Amino acid sequence: MCLAIPMKIIKIEDNLATAEISGAKYKANIDLVPDVKIGEYIIVHAGFAIEKLDEESAMETLRIWQDVADFHDNREKR
């Protein structure tokens, strides 16, 4: 199973974007969303940006993922 998480574009060269999440950087092909710009958020799947997100949606999704991680961490500590 693959999970796609919003990432912020920090650099674009030709058809490749460098996107960042929690300090980790990833390369993503942007041929499927050619109108993206630095500072915008994308969903990446299998090395391809498949969708552009507005910042509010990206932040909400990241908050939910953090809630899931926190829940998991708390269960392991019991």
Protein backbone atom coordinates (compact mmCIF):
# COMPACT_ATOMS: atom_id res chain seq x y z
CA MET A 1 0.00 0.00 0.00
CA CYS A 2 1.27 3.46 -0.86
CA LEU A 3 0.36 6.58 1.07
CA ALA A 4 0.65 10.01 -0.48
CA ILE A 5 1.48 12.91 1.82
CA PRO A 6 1.44 16.61 0.90
CA MET A 7 4.88 18.06 0.27
CA LYS A 8 5.97 21.65 -0.29
CA ILE A 9 7.87 22.45 -3.49
CA ILE A 10 11.18 24.12 -2.71
CA LYS A 11 12.87 23.93 -6.13
CA ILE A 12 11.93 23.26 -9.76
CA GLU A 13 14.33 22.29 -12.54
CA ASP A 14 12.85 21.37 -15.90
CA ASN A 15 10.18 18.75 -15.14
CA LEU A 16 11.50 17.81 -11.68
CA ALA A 17 10.49 19.42 -8.43
CA THR A 18 12.30 19.05 -5.15
CA ALA A 19 9.64 18.76 -2.47
CA GLU A 20 10.11 18.75 1.31
CA ILE A 21 8.29 17.18 4.23
CA SER A 22 9.61 17.40 7.81
CA GLY A 23 13.12 18.21 6.58
CA ALA A 24 13.29 15.26 4.15
CA LYS A 25 13.62 16.16 0.47
CA TYR A 26 12.27 14.16 -2.44
CA LYS A 27 12.32 14.53 -6.23
CA ALA A 28 9.03 14.41 -8.09
CA ASN A 29 8.26 14.52 -11.79
CA ILE A 30 5.76 17.35 -12.42
CA ASP A 31 4.67 16.47 -15.97
CA LEU A 32 1.14 15.69 -14.70
CA VAL A 33 0.79 19.07 -12.91
CA PRO A 34 2.89 21.46 -15.02
CA ASP A 35 1.37 24.63 -13.52
CA VAL A 36 2.90 24.14 -10.03
CA LYS A 37 5.20 26.75 -8.54
CA ILE A 38 7.76 26.94 -5.77
CA GLY A 39 6.02 27.26 -2.41
CA GLU A 40 2.96 25.26 -3.47
CA TYR A 41 1.97 21.85 -2.12
CA ILE A 42 1.72 18.65 -4.14
CA ILE A 43 0.68 15.06 -3.57
CA VAL A 44 3.38 12.68 -4.80
CA HIS A 45 2.77 9.05 -5.74
CA ALA A 46 5.40 6.72 -7.18
CA GLY A 47 7.71 9.64 -7.96
CA PHE A 48 5.09 11.73 -9.77
CA ALA A 49 3.26 14.80 -8.52
CA ILE A 50 -0.35 13.82 -9.14
CA GLU A 51 -2.23 16.73 -7.59
CA LYS A 52 -1.71 20.30 -6.43
CA LEU A 53 -3.19 21.27 -3.05
CA ASP A 54 -3.96 24.62 -1.54
CA GLU A 55 -2.04 25.34 1.66
CA GLU A 56 -5.09 24.97 3.92
CA SER A 57 -5.84 21.46 2.63
CA ALA A 58 -2.18 20.47 2.87
CA MET A 59 -1.92 21.69 6.48
CA GLU A 60 -5.13 19.89 7.49
CA THR A 61 -3.90 16.64 5.94
CA LEU A 62 -0.52 16.96 7.64
CA ARG A 63 -2.24 17.64 10.97
CA ILE A 64 -4.29 14.47 10.58
CA TRP A 65 -1.16 12.44 9.80
CA GLN A 66 0.50 13.90 12.90
CA ASP A 67 -2.53 12.91 14.99
CA VAL A 68 -2.24 9.34 13.67
CA ALA A 69 1.49 9.23 14.47
CA ASP A 70 0.89 10.62 17.97
CA PHE A 71 -1.83 8.04 18.62
CA HIS A 72 0.45 5.25 17.48
CA ASP A 73 3.32 6.51 19.67
CA ASN A 74 1.04 6.74 22.72
CA ARG A 75 -0.20 3.17 22.21
CA GLU A 76 3.37 1.85 22.07
CA LYS A 77 4.23 3.57 25.37
CA ARG A 78 1.49 1.70 27.27
